[in-house]
Amino acid sequence: MLEMLKRILGITDNSQDALLTELLLEAQGYVEDFIDYKLDLADYTDEISAYARDTIVLRNFPVKAVAQITDQNGNSCTGYRLVKSKGLIRGTFFNGDYEIEYQAGYEELPGWAKKAITDTASYLYSQVGSGGVTGNMIKSEEVFGVAKVTYETSTTNTNEAGELGGILPLSVVDLLEKHANRYA
């Protein structure tokens, strides 16, 4: 994605690679916060209470594999069906607390994720030289498919030390909303 971002910004040398890499990581964090799940392939453990339910929804997806499902007594559970693309475990045994160990995420990020991340990083880069972002404080909550979104913007995207902070500028929210239909 670094090369994609450099093309967007018209940067032809490597002098800003460290900054751009940091901005890409920050932008990916914004996108993951927005869609409410992690994108990179990793191992996860979810603790879920499922009483009288036939479906458990895992926090991260797509699911590559479920390593283990154990109930509150430490018993291993079997007899379930995994819907990998949606992170769903279906069965008739869900009546209690469960711990689910699984691997989920993308080995290679899909195009929509790369576009959302590079758009956001490009915007953040444009703000580095201007001393931050000015805008109105907003709060919004909407549902895009299974992703519940809560976000805020503030009058600046820099912390007291002048470093980029974890505050989502209004125009970044606008960029992410353009891709919202792809998050479902």
N, C-alpha and C. Protein backbone atom coordinates (compact mmCIF):
# COMPACT_ATOMS: atom_id res chain seq x y z
N MET A 1 0.81 -1.19 0.00
CA MET A 1 0.00 0.00 0.00
C MET A 1 0.86 1.26 0.00
N LEU A 2 2.09 1.13 0.48
CA LEU A 2 2.98 2.29 0.50
C LEU A 2 3.17 2.83 -0.91
N GLU A 3 3.39 1.96 -1.88
CA GLU A 3 3.59 2.42 -3.26
C GLU A 3 2.31 3.05 -3.82
N MET A 4 1.16 2.50 -3.46
CA MET A 4 -0.11 3.07 -3.90
C MET A 4 -0.28 4.48 -3.33
N LEU A 5 0.03 4.65 -2.05
CA LEU A 5 -0.08 5.96 -1.42
C LEU A 5 0.89 6.95 -2.05
N LYS A 6 2.11 6.51 -2.32
CA LYS A 6 3.10 7.40 -2.95
C LYS A 6 2.64 7.84 -4.33
N ARG A 7 2.01 6.93 -5.09
CA ARG A 7 1.48 7.30 -6.41
C ARG A 7 0.38 8.35 -6.27
N ILE A 8 -0.52 8.16 -5.31
CA ILE A 8 -1.61 9.11 -5.09
C ILE A 8 -1.06 10.49 -4.75
N LEU A 9 -0.02 10.51 -3.92
CA LEU A 9 0.55 11.78 -3.46
C LEU A 9 1.59 12.36 -4.42
N GLY A 10 1.98 11.60 -5.44
CA GLY A 10 2.98 12.07 -6.40
C GLY A 10 4.39 12.08 -5.83
N ILE A 11 4.66 11.21 -4.87
CA ILE A 11 5.99 11.11 -4.26
C ILE A 11 6.78 10.04 -4.99
N THR A 12 7.99 10.41 -5.47
CA THR A 12 8.77 9.48 -6.27
C THR A 12 10.03 8.96 -5.58
N ASP A 13 10.39 9.53 -4.43
CA ASP A 13 11.58 9.05 -3.72
C ASP A 13 11.16 8.35 -2.42
N ASN A 14 12.17 7.91 -1.66
CA ASN A 14 11.90 7.17 -0.42
C ASN A 14 12.08 8.03 0.83
N SER A 15 12.25 9.32 0.67
CA SER A 15 12.58 10.17 1.81
C SER A 15 11.46 10.27 2.86
N GLN A 16 10.22 9.99 2.47
CA GLN A 16 9.10 10.12 3.41
C GLN A 16 8.46 8.76 3.74
N ASP A 17 9.14 7.68 3.40
CA ASP A 17 8.57 6.35 3.60
C ASP A 17 8.19 6.07 5.06
N ALA A 18 9.01 6.51 6.00
CA ALA A 18 8.72 6.25 7.42
C ALA A 18 7.42 6.96 7.83
N LEU A 19 7.28 8.22 7.45
CA LEU A 19 6.07 8.97 7.77
C LEU A 19 4.85 8.33 7.10
N LEU A 20 4.97 8.00 5.82
CA LEU A 20 3.85 7.43 5.09
C LEU A 20 3.43 6.08 5.68
N THR A 21 4.41 5.28 6.09
CA THR A 21 4.11 3.99 6.71
C THR A 21 3.35 4.20 8.02
N GLU A 22 3.77 5.19 8.81
CA GLU A 22 3.08 5.51 10.06
C GLU A 22 1.64 5.98 9.78
N LEU A 23 1.47 6.78 8.74
CA LEU A 23 0.14 7.27 8.39
C LEU A 23 -0.76 6.12 7.90
N LEU A 24 -0.18 5.18 7.16
CA LEU A 24 -0.96 4.02 6.72
C LEU A 24 -1.42 3.18 7.90
N LEU A 25 -0.56 3.00 8.89
CA LEU A 25 -0.94 2.25 10.09
C LEU A 25 -2.05 2.97 10.86
N GLU A 26 -1.91 4.28 10.99
CA GLU A 26 -2.94 5.06 11.67
C GLU A 26 -4.26 5.00 10.90
N ALA A 27 -4.17 5.13 9.58
CA ALA A 27 -5.37 5.09 8.75
C ALA A 27 -6.05 3.72 8.85
N GLN A 28 -5.26 2.65 8.88
CA GLN A 28 -5.85 1.33 9.03
C GLN A 28 -6.58 1.22 10.37
N GLY A 29 -6.01 1.80 11.41
CA GLY A 29 -6.69 1.83 12.70
C GLY A 29 -8.02 2.55 12.64
N TYR A 30 -8.07 3.68 11.91
CA TYR A 30 -9.34 4.40 11.74
C TYR A 30 -10.37 3.53 11.02
N VAL A 31 -9.93 2.89 9.95
CA VAL A 31 -10.85 2.04 9.20
C VAL A 31 -11.35 0.89 10.07
N GLU A 32 -10.44 0.25 10.82
CA GLU A 32 -10.84 -0.85 11.69
C GLU A 32 -11.79 -0.38 12.79
N ASP A 33 -11.56 0.80 13.34
CA ASP A 33 -12.48 1.35 14.33
C ASP A 33 -13.85 1.59 13.70
N PHE A 34 -13.85 2.06 12.47
CA PHE A 34 -15.09 2.38 11.77
C PHE A 34 -15.90 1.13 11.49
N ILE A 35 -15.26 0.06 11.02
CA ILE A 35 -15.98 -1.17 10.68
C ILE A 35 -16.12 -2.09 11.87
N ASP A 36 -15.41 -1.81 12.96
CA ASP A 36 -15.51 -2.54 14.23
C ASP A 36 -14.99 -3.97 14.16
N TYR A 37 -13.98 -4.21 13.36
CA TYR A 37 -13.26 -5.47 13.38
C TYR A 37 -11.89 -5.28 12.75
N LYS A 38 -10.96 -6.19 13.07
CA LYS A 38 -9.59 -6.12 12.57
C LYS A 38 -9.51 -6.70 11.16
N LEU A 39 -8.61 -6.16 10.36
CA LEU A 39 -8.47 -6.62 8.98
C LEU A 39 -7.35 -7.65 8.79
N ASP A 40 -6.25 -7.51 9.51
CA ASP A 40 -5.11 -8.40 9.30
C ASP A 40 -5.37 -9.79 9.86
N LEU A 41 -4.84 -10.80 9.19
CA LEU A 41 -4.95 -12.18 9.63
C LEU A 41 -4.19 -12.35 10.94
N ALA A 42 -4.90 -12.84 11.96
CA ALA A 42 -4.29 -13.03 13.28
C ALA A 42 -5.11 -14.05 14.06
N ASP A 43 -4.57 -14.46 15.20
CA ASP A 43 -5.28 -15.36 16.11
C ASP A 43 -6.06 -14.53 17.11
N TYR A 44 -7.29 -14.96 17.38
CA TYR A 44 -8.18 -14.24 18.28
C TYR A 44 -8.82 -15.21 19.26
N THR A 45 -9.23 -14.68 20.40
CA THR A 45 -10.03 -15.43 21.37
C THR A 45 -11.20 -14.56 21.76
N ASP A 46 -12.41 -15.08 21.54
CA ASP A 46 -13.63 -14.37 21.93
C ASP A 46 -14.27 -15.12 23.08
N GLU A 47 -14.73 -14.38 24.08
CA GLU A 47 -15.51 -14.95 25.16
C GLU A 47 -16.94 -14.47 24.97
N ILE A 48 -17.85 -15.43 24.78
CA ILE A 48 -19.20 -15.11 24.38
C ILE A 48 -20.20 -15.83 25.28
N SER A 49 -21.23 -15.09 25.70
CA SER A 49 -22.36 -15.69 26.40
C SER A 49 -23.45 -15.93 25.37
N ALA A 50 -23.85 -17.18 25.24
CA ALA A 50 -24.87 -17.54 24.25
C ALA A 50 -25.87 -18.47 24.92
N TYR A 51 -26.99 -17.90 25.27
CA TYR A 51 -28.02 -18.68 25.95
C TYR A 51 -29.21 -18.90 25.02
N ALA A 52 -29.55 -20.18 24.82
CA ALA A 52 -30.68 -20.57 23.97
C ALA A 52 -30.56 -19.95 22.58
N ARG A 53 -29.37 -20.02 22.03
CA ARG A 53 -29.14 -19.48 20.68
C ARG A 53 -28.57 -20.58 19.80
N ASP A 54 -28.82 -20.45 18.51
CA ASP A 54 -28.27 -21.41 17.57
C ASP A 54 -27.13 -20.82 16.74
N THR A 55 -26.80 -19.54 16.98
CA THR A 55 -25.74 -18.88 16.22
C THR A 55 -24.88 -18.01 17.14
N ILE A 56 -23.58 -18.11 16.96
CA ILE A 56 -22.63 -17.23 17.63
C ILE A 56 -21.97 -16.37 16.55
N VAL A 57 -21.88 -15.07 16.79
CA VAL A 57 -21.23 -14.16 15.86
C VAL A 57 -19.85 -13.82 16.43
N LEU A 58 -18.81 -14.16 15.67
CA LEU A 58 -17.45 -13.85 16.10
C LEU A 58 -17.14 -12.39 15.81
N ARG A 59 -16.24 -11.83 16.59
CA ARG A 59 -15.90 -10.41 16.49
C ARG A 59 -15.16 -10.09 15.20
N ASN A 60 -14.32 -11.00 14.72
CA ASN A 60 -13.51 -10.75 13.53
C ASN A 60 -13.84 -11.76 12.44
N PHE A 61 -13.76 -11.33 11.20
CA PHE A 61 -14.00 -12.20 10.05
C PHE A 61 -13.32 -11.59 8.84
N PRO A 62 -13.14 -12.30 7.75
CA PRO A 62 -13.52 -13.68 7.52
C PRO A 62 -12.69 -14.62 8.39
N VAL A 63 -13.29 -15.74 8.76
CA VAL A 63 -12.64 -16.71 9.63
C VAL A 63 -11.91 -17.72 8.76
N LYS A 64 -10.66 -17.91 9.05
CA LYS A 64 -9.88 -18.92 8.33
C LYS A 64 -10.09 -20.29 8.97
N ALA A 65 -10.05 -20.35 10.31
CA ALA A 65 -10.23 -21.62 11.00
C ALA A 65 -10.59 -21.38 12.46
N VAL A 66 -11.35 -22.31 13.03
CA VAL A 66 -11.64 -22.30 14.46
C VAL A 66 -10.73 -23.37 15.07
N ALA A 67 -9.91 -22.96 16.03
CA ALA A 67 -9.00 -23.90 16.68
C ALA A 67 -9.74 -24.68 17.75
N GLN A 68 -10.58 -23.98 18.53
CA GLN A 68 -11.23 -24.65 19.64
C GLN A 68 -12.39 -23.82 20.17
N ILE A 69 -13.45 -24.53 20.57
CA ILE A 69 -14.57 -23.91 21.28
C ILE A 69 -14.73 -24.69 22.58
N THR A 70 -14.65 -23.96 23.70
CA THR A 70 -14.84 -24.62 25.00
C THR A 70 -15.96 -23.93 25.76
N ASP A 71 -16.71 -24.73 26.52
CA ASP A 71 -17.79 -24.16 27.32
C ASP A 71 -17.26 -23.75 28.69
N GLN A 72 -18.14 -23.25 29.56
CA GLN A 72 -17.72 -22.73 30.86
C GLN A 72 -17.13 -23.80 31.77
N ASN A 73 -17.36 -25.06 31.45
CA ASN A 73 -16.80 -26.16 32.23
C ASN A 73 -15.49 -26.69 31.66
N GLY A 74 -15.03 -26.07 30.58
CA GLY A 74 -13.79 -26.49 29.95
C GLY A 74 -13.95 -27.62 28.95
N ASN A 75 -15.18 -27.99 28.65
CA ASN A 75 -15.45 -29.06 27.69
C ASN A 75 -15.33 -28.53 26.27
N SER A 76 -14.72 -29.31 25.41
CA SER A 76 -14.59 -28.95 24.01
C SER A 76 -15.91 -29.19 23.29
N CYS A 77 -16.31 -28.25 22.45
CA CYS A 77 -17.58 -28.35 21.74
C CYS A 77 -17.36 -28.80 20.31
N THR A 78 -18.26 -29.62 19.83
CA THR A 78 -18.23 -30.09 18.44
C THR A 78 -19.65 -29.98 17.88
N GLY A 79 -19.83 -30.39 16.63
CA GLY A 79 -21.16 -30.41 16.04
C GLY A 79 -21.65 -29.05 15.60
N TYR A 80 -20.76 -28.18 15.21
CA TYR A 80 -21.15 -26.86 14.74
C TYR A 80 -20.76 -26.71 13.27
N ARG A 81 -21.35 -25.71 12.64
CA ARG A 81 -21.02 -25.39 11.26
C ARG A 81 -20.49 -23.95 11.24
N LEU A 82 -19.39 -23.74 10.54
CA LEU A 82 -18.74 -22.44 10.46
C LEU A 82 -19.07 -21.78 9.13
N VAL A 83 -19.55 -20.54 9.19
CA VAL A 83 -19.75 -19.72 7.99
C VAL A 83 -18.57 -18.75 7.97
N LYS A 84 -17.51 -19.14 7.27
CA LYS A 84 -16.24 -18.42 7.33
C LYS A 84 -16.34 -16.96 6.91
N SER A 85 -17.04 -16.68 5.82
CA SER A 85 -17.07 -15.32 5.27
C SER A 85 -17.75 -14.33 6.20
N LYS A 86 -18.66 -14.81 7.06
CA LYS A 86 -19.41 -13.91 7.93
C LYS A 86 -19.03 -14.03 9.40
N GLY A 87 -18.15 -14.98 9.73
CA GLY A 87 -17.75 -15.16 11.12
C GLY A 87 -18.86 -15.70 11.99
N LEU A 88 -19.66 -16.62 11.45
CA LEU A 88 -20.78 -17.20 12.19
C LEU A 88 -20.50 -18.66 12.52
N ILE A 89 -20.86 -19.04 13.74
CA ILE A 89 -20.80 -20.44 14.14
C ILE A 89 -22.24 -20.85 14.43
N ARG A 90 -22.69 -21.88 13.73
CA ARG A 90 -24.09 -22.32 13.88
C ARG A 90 -24.12 -23.72 14.46
N GLY A 91 -25.03 -23.92 15.40
CA GLY A 91 -25.22 -25.20 16.04
C GLY A 91 -26.41 -25.13 16.96
N THR A 92 -26.68 -26.20 17.68
CA THR A 92 -27.82 -26.21 18.59
C THR A 92 -27.38 -26.32 20.05
N PHE A 93 -26.10 -26.25 20.30
CA PHE A 93 -25.55 -26.50 21.64
C PHE A 93 -25.31 -25.23 22.44
N PHE A 94 -25.65 -24.07 21.95
CA PHE A 94 -25.26 -22.83 22.61
C PHE A 94 -26.20 -22.50 23.76
N ASN A 95 -25.75 -22.78 24.96
CA ASN A 95 -26.53 -22.47 26.15
C ASN A 95 -25.57 -22.27 27.31
N GLY A 96 -24.85 -21.15 27.29
CA GLY A 96 -23.89 -20.86 28.35
C GLY A 96 -22.82 -19.91 27.88
N ASP A 97 -21.68 -19.94 28.58
CA ASP A 97 -20.54 -19.10 28.23
C ASP A 97 -19.52 -19.94 27.47
N TYR A 98 -18.95 -19.34 26.42
CA TYR A 98 -18.01 -20.06 25.57
C TYR A 98 -16.77 -19.23 25.33
N GLU A 99 -15.66 -19.95 25.16
CA GLU A 99 -14.41 -19.32 24.73
C GLU A 99 -14.07 -19.94 23.38
N ILE A 100 -13.89 -19.06 22.39
CA ILE A 100 -13.64 -19.52 21.02
C ILE A 100 -12.29 -18.99 20.57
N GLU A 101 -11.41 -19.91 20.21
CA GLU A 101 -10.09 -19.55 19.67
C GLU A 101 -10.15 -19.78 18.17
N TYR A 102 -9.77 -18.75 17.42
CA TYR A 102 -9.88 -18.85 15.97
C TYR A 102 -8.89 -17.92 15.28
N GLN A 103 -8.74 -18.14 13.98
CA GLN A 103 -7.89 -17.29 13.15
C GLN A 103 -8.79 -16.60 12.14
N ALA A 104 -8.65 -15.28 12.05
CA ALA A 104 -9.51 -14.51 11.15
C ALA A 104 -8.75 -13.33 10.56
N GLY A 105 -9.32 -12.78 9.51
CA GLY A 105 -8.74 -11.62 8.84
C GLY A 105 -8.32 -11.97 7.43
N TYR A 106 -7.66 -11.02 6.79
CA TYR A 106 -7.24 -11.17 5.40
C TYR A 106 -5.73 -11.33 5.32
N GLU A 107 -5.28 -12.34 4.56
CA GLU A 107 -3.85 -12.45 4.29
C GLU A 107 -3.43 -11.31 3.38
N GLU A 108 -4.25 -11.02 2.40
CA GLU A 108 -4.06 -9.88 1.50
C GLU A 108 -5.31 -9.03 1.62
N LEU A 109 -5.14 -7.76 2.00
CA LEU A 109 -6.30 -6.88 2.17
C LEU A 109 -7.06 -6.75 0.86
N PRO A 110 -8.40 -6.77 0.93
CA PRO A 110 -9.19 -6.58 -0.29
C PRO A 110 -9.09 -5.14 -0.78
N GLY A 111 -9.45 -4.94 -2.04
CA GLY A 111 -9.34 -3.63 -2.67
C GLY A 111 -10.06 -2.52 -1.93
N TRP A 112 -11.28 -2.79 -1.42
CA TRP A 112 -12.03 -1.74 -0.71
C TRP A 112 -11.28 -1.28 0.53
N ALA A 113 -10.61 -2.21 1.23
CA ALA A 113 -9.87 -1.85 2.44
C ALA A 113 -8.65 -1.01 2.08
N LYS A 114 -7.93 -1.44 1.05
CA LYS A 114 -6.76 -0.68 0.61
C LYS A 114 -7.15 0.73 0.20
N LYS A 115 -8.26 0.86 -0.52
CA LYS A 115 -8.72 2.18 -0.97
C LYS A 115 -9.10 3.05 0.21
N ALA A 116 -9.85 2.51 1.17
CA ALA A 116 -10.24 3.29 2.34
C ALA A 116 -9.02 3.71 3.15
N ILE A 117 -8.05 2.82 3.30
CA ILE A 117 -6.84 3.12 4.08
C ILE A 117 -5.99 4.16 3.37
N THR A 118 -5.76 4.00 2.07
CA THR A 118 -4.91 4.96 1.35
C THR A 118 -5.60 6.32 1.23
N ASP A 119 -6.92 6.35 1.04
CA ASP A 119 -7.64 7.63 1.01
C ASP A 119 -7.47 8.36 2.34
N THR A 120 -7.63 7.62 3.42
CA THR A 120 -7.51 8.21 4.75
C THR A 120 -6.08 8.67 5.02
N ALA A 121 -5.09 7.84 4.66
CA ALA A 121 -3.69 8.21 4.85
C ALA A 121 -3.33 9.43 4.00
N SER A 122 -3.85 9.50 2.79
CA SER A 122 -3.61 10.66 1.93
C SER A 122 -4.14 11.93 2.57
N TYR A 123 -5.33 11.84 3.14
CA TYR A 123 -5.90 12.99 3.82
C TYR A 123 -5.04 13.37 5.02
N LEU A 124 -4.63 12.39 5.82
CA LEU A 124 -3.80 12.67 6.99
C LEU A 124 -2.48 13.33 6.57
N TYR A 125 -1.90 12.86 5.47
CA TYR A 125 -0.65 13.45 4.97
C TYR A 125 -0.85 14.91 4.61
N SER A 126 -1.99 15.23 3.99
CA SER A 126 -2.25 16.62 3.60
C SER A 126 -2.37 17.52 4.82
N GLN A 127 -2.70 16.95 5.97
CA GLN A 127 -2.88 17.74 7.18
C GLN A 127 -1.60 17.90 8.00
N VAL A 128 -0.59 17.07 7.73
CA VAL A 128 0.65 17.12 8.52
C VAL A 128 1.30 18.49 8.43
N GLY A 129 1.38 19.06 7.23
CA GLY A 129 2.02 20.35 7.06
C GLY A 129 1.16 21.53 7.45
N SER A 130 -0.15 21.31 7.62
CA SER A 130 -1.03 22.44 7.91
C SER A 130 -1.32 22.61 9.40
N GLY A 131 -0.69 21.80 10.24
CA GLY A 131 -0.85 21.96 11.68
C GLY A 131 -2.10 21.34 12.25
N GLY A 132 -2.72 20.44 11.54
CA GLY A 132 -3.89 19.76 12.10
C GLY A 132 -5.15 20.09 11.34
N VAL A 133 -6.22 19.53 11.82
CA VAL A 133 -7.51 19.65 11.15
C VAL A 133 -8.42 20.50 12.01
N THR A 134 -9.14 21.41 11.39
CA THR A 134 -10.15 22.15 12.14
C THR A 134 -11.52 21.68 11.68
N GLY A 135 -12.43 21.62 12.59
CA GLY A 135 -13.77 21.16 12.24
C GLY A 135 -14.67 21.18 13.45
N ASN A 136 -15.86 20.75 13.28
CA ASN A 136 -16.85 20.73 14.35
C ASN A 136 -16.83 19.39 15.06
N MET A 137 -17.20 19.39 16.33
CA MET A 137 -17.34 18.15 17.07
C MET A 137 -18.65 17.50 16.64
N ILE A 138 -18.59 16.23 16.22
CA ILE A 138 -19.81 15.52 15.87
C ILE A 138 -19.79 14.16 16.52
N LYS A 139 -20.96 13.59 16.69
CA LYS A 139 -21.10 12.21 17.14
C LYS A 139 -22.15 11.58 16.26
N SER A 140 -21.91 10.35 15.83
CA SER A 140 -22.89 9.68 15.00
C SER A 140 -22.80 8.19 15.25
N GLU A 141 -23.93 7.51 15.10
CA GLU A 141 -23.96 6.07 15.26
C GLU A 141 -24.92 5.51 14.24
N GLU A 142 -24.44 4.59 13.41
CA GLU A 142 -25.25 3.98 12.38
C GLU A 142 -24.87 2.53 12.28
N VAL A 143 -25.68 1.75 11.59
CA VAL A 143 -25.36 0.34 11.38
C VAL A 143 -25.16 0.11 9.90
N PHE A 144 -23.99 -0.41 9.53
CA PHE A 144 -23.68 -0.80 8.16
C PHE A 144 -23.51 -2.32 8.19
N GLY A 145 -24.53 -3.06 7.81
CA GLY A 145 -24.48 -4.50 7.90
C GLY A 145 -24.29 -4.91 9.34
N VAL A 146 -23.22 -5.62 9.64
CA VAL A 146 -22.95 -6.05 11.01
C VAL A 146 -22.04 -5.08 11.75
N ALA A 147 -21.56 -4.04 11.06
CA ALA A 147 -20.61 -3.11 11.69
C ALA A 147 -21.34 -1.97 12.37
N LYS A 148 -21.27 -1.90 13.68
CA LYS A 148 -21.84 -0.78 14.43
C LYS A 148 -20.75 0.28 14.52
N VAL A 149 -21.08 1.47 14.15
CA VAL A 149 -20.06 2.51 14.01
C VAL A 149 -20.30 3.62 15.01
N THR A 150 -19.29 3.95 15.77
CA THR A 150 -19.34 5.12 16.62
C THR A 150 -18.07 5.92 16.36
N TYR A 151 -18.19 7.18 16.07
CA TYR A 151 -17.00 7.97 15.82
C TYR A 151 -17.19 9.41 16.29
N GLU A 152 -16.10 10.06 16.54
CA GLU A 152 -16.10 11.46 16.94
C GLU A 152 -15.04 12.20 16.14
N THR A 153 -15.24 13.47 15.95
CA THR A 153 -14.18 14.31 15.41
C THR A 153 -13.95 15.44 16.40
N SER A 154 -12.80 16.02 16.29
CA SER A 154 -12.44 17.09 17.20
C SER A 154 -11.83 18.22 16.41
N THR A 155 -11.39 19.25 17.10
CA THR A 155 -10.82 20.41 16.42
C THR A 155 -9.39 20.17 15.99
N THR A 156 -8.79 19.08 16.36
CA THR A 156 -7.41 18.81 15.96
C THR A 156 -7.16 17.32 15.86
N ASN A 157 -6.19 16.95 15.05
CA ASN A 157 -5.82 15.54 15.00
C ASN A 157 -4.40 15.35 15.52
N THR A 158 -3.90 16.32 16.28
CA THR A 158 -2.57 16.19 16.87
C THR A 158 -2.69 16.22 18.39
N ASN A 159 -1.77 15.50 19.05
CA ASN A 159 -1.78 15.51 20.51
C ASN A 159 -0.91 16.66 21.02
N GLU A 160 -0.72 16.73 22.33
CA GLU A 160 0.04 17.85 22.91
C GLU A 160 1.48 17.90 22.43
N ALA A 161 2.05 16.75 22.06
CA ALA A 161 3.43 16.70 21.59
C ALA A 161 3.52 17.03 20.10
N GLY A 162 2.39 17.32 19.47
CA GLY A 162 2.40 17.63 18.04
C GLY A 162 2.39 16.40 17.16
N GLU A 163 2.18 15.21 17.76
CA GLU A 163 2.14 13.98 16.99
C GLU A 163 0.70 13.70 16.58
N LEU A 164 0.55 12.93 15.50
CA LEU A 164 -0.80 12.56 15.09
C LEU A 164 -1.43 11.72 16.18
N GLY A 165 -2.65 12.04 16.53
CA GLY A 165 -3.33 11.33 17.60
C GLY A 165 -4.51 10.53 17.07
N GLY A 166 -5.20 9.86 17.97
CA GLY A 166 -6.28 8.98 17.59
C GLY A 166 -7.62 9.67 17.51
N ILE A 167 -7.71 10.81 16.87
CA ILE A 167 -8.96 11.54 16.73
C ILE A 167 -9.31 11.57 15.25
N LEU A 168 -10.52 11.25 14.94
CA LEU A 168 -10.93 11.10 13.56
C LEU A 168 -11.52 12.40 13.01
N PRO A 169 -10.83 13.04 12.05
CA PRO A 169 -11.34 14.29 11.47
C PRO A 169 -12.62 14.05 10.66
N LEU A 170 -13.46 15.06 10.61
CA LEU A 170 -14.73 14.97 9.91
C LEU A 170 -14.56 14.55 8.46
N SER A 171 -13.57 15.08 7.76
CA SER A 171 -13.40 14.72 6.36
C SER A 171 -12.94 13.27 6.20
N VAL A 172 -12.25 12.71 7.20
CA VAL A 172 -11.90 11.29 7.15
C VAL A 172 -13.17 10.46 7.31
N VAL A 173 -14.07 10.89 8.18
CA VAL A 173 -15.35 10.21 8.33
C VAL A 173 -16.08 10.20 6.99
N ASP A 174 -16.06 11.33 6.29
CA ASP A 174 -16.70 11.41 4.98
C ASP A 174 -16.09 10.39 4.02
N LEU A 175 -14.74 10.27 4.02
CA LEU A 175 -14.09 9.29 3.16
C LEU A 175 -14.52 7.88 3.51
N LEU A 176 -14.56 7.57 4.79
CA LEU A 176 -14.94 6.23 5.22
C LEU A 176 -16.40 5.93 4.89
N GLU A 177 -17.26 6.93 5.02
CA GLU A 177 -18.67 6.71 4.69
C GLU A 177 -18.86 6.41 3.21
N LYS A 178 -17.98 6.92 2.35
CA LYS A 178 -18.05 6.59 0.93
C LYS A 178 -17.89 5.10 0.70
N HIS A 179 -17.14 4.45 1.61
CA HIS A 179 -16.87 3.02 1.46
C HIS A 179 -17.77 2.17 2.37
N ALA A 180 -18.71 2.78 3.04
CA ALA A 180 -19.51 2.08 4.06
C ALA A 180 -20.27 0.88 3.47
N ASN A 181 -20.78 1.01 2.25
CA ASN A 181 -21.54 -0.09 1.67
C ASN A 181 -20.66 -1.31 1.43
N ARG A 182 -19.38 -1.14 1.38
CA ARG A 182 -18.48 -2.27 1.18
C ARG A 182 -18.14 -2.96 2.49
N TYR A 183 -18.45 -2.35 3.63
CA TYR A 183 -18.14 -2.93 4.92
C TYR A 183 -19.16 -3.97 5.34
N ALA A 184 -20.33 -3.94 4.77
CA ALA A 184 -21.41 -4.84 5.21
C ALA A 184 -21.12 -6.29 4.86
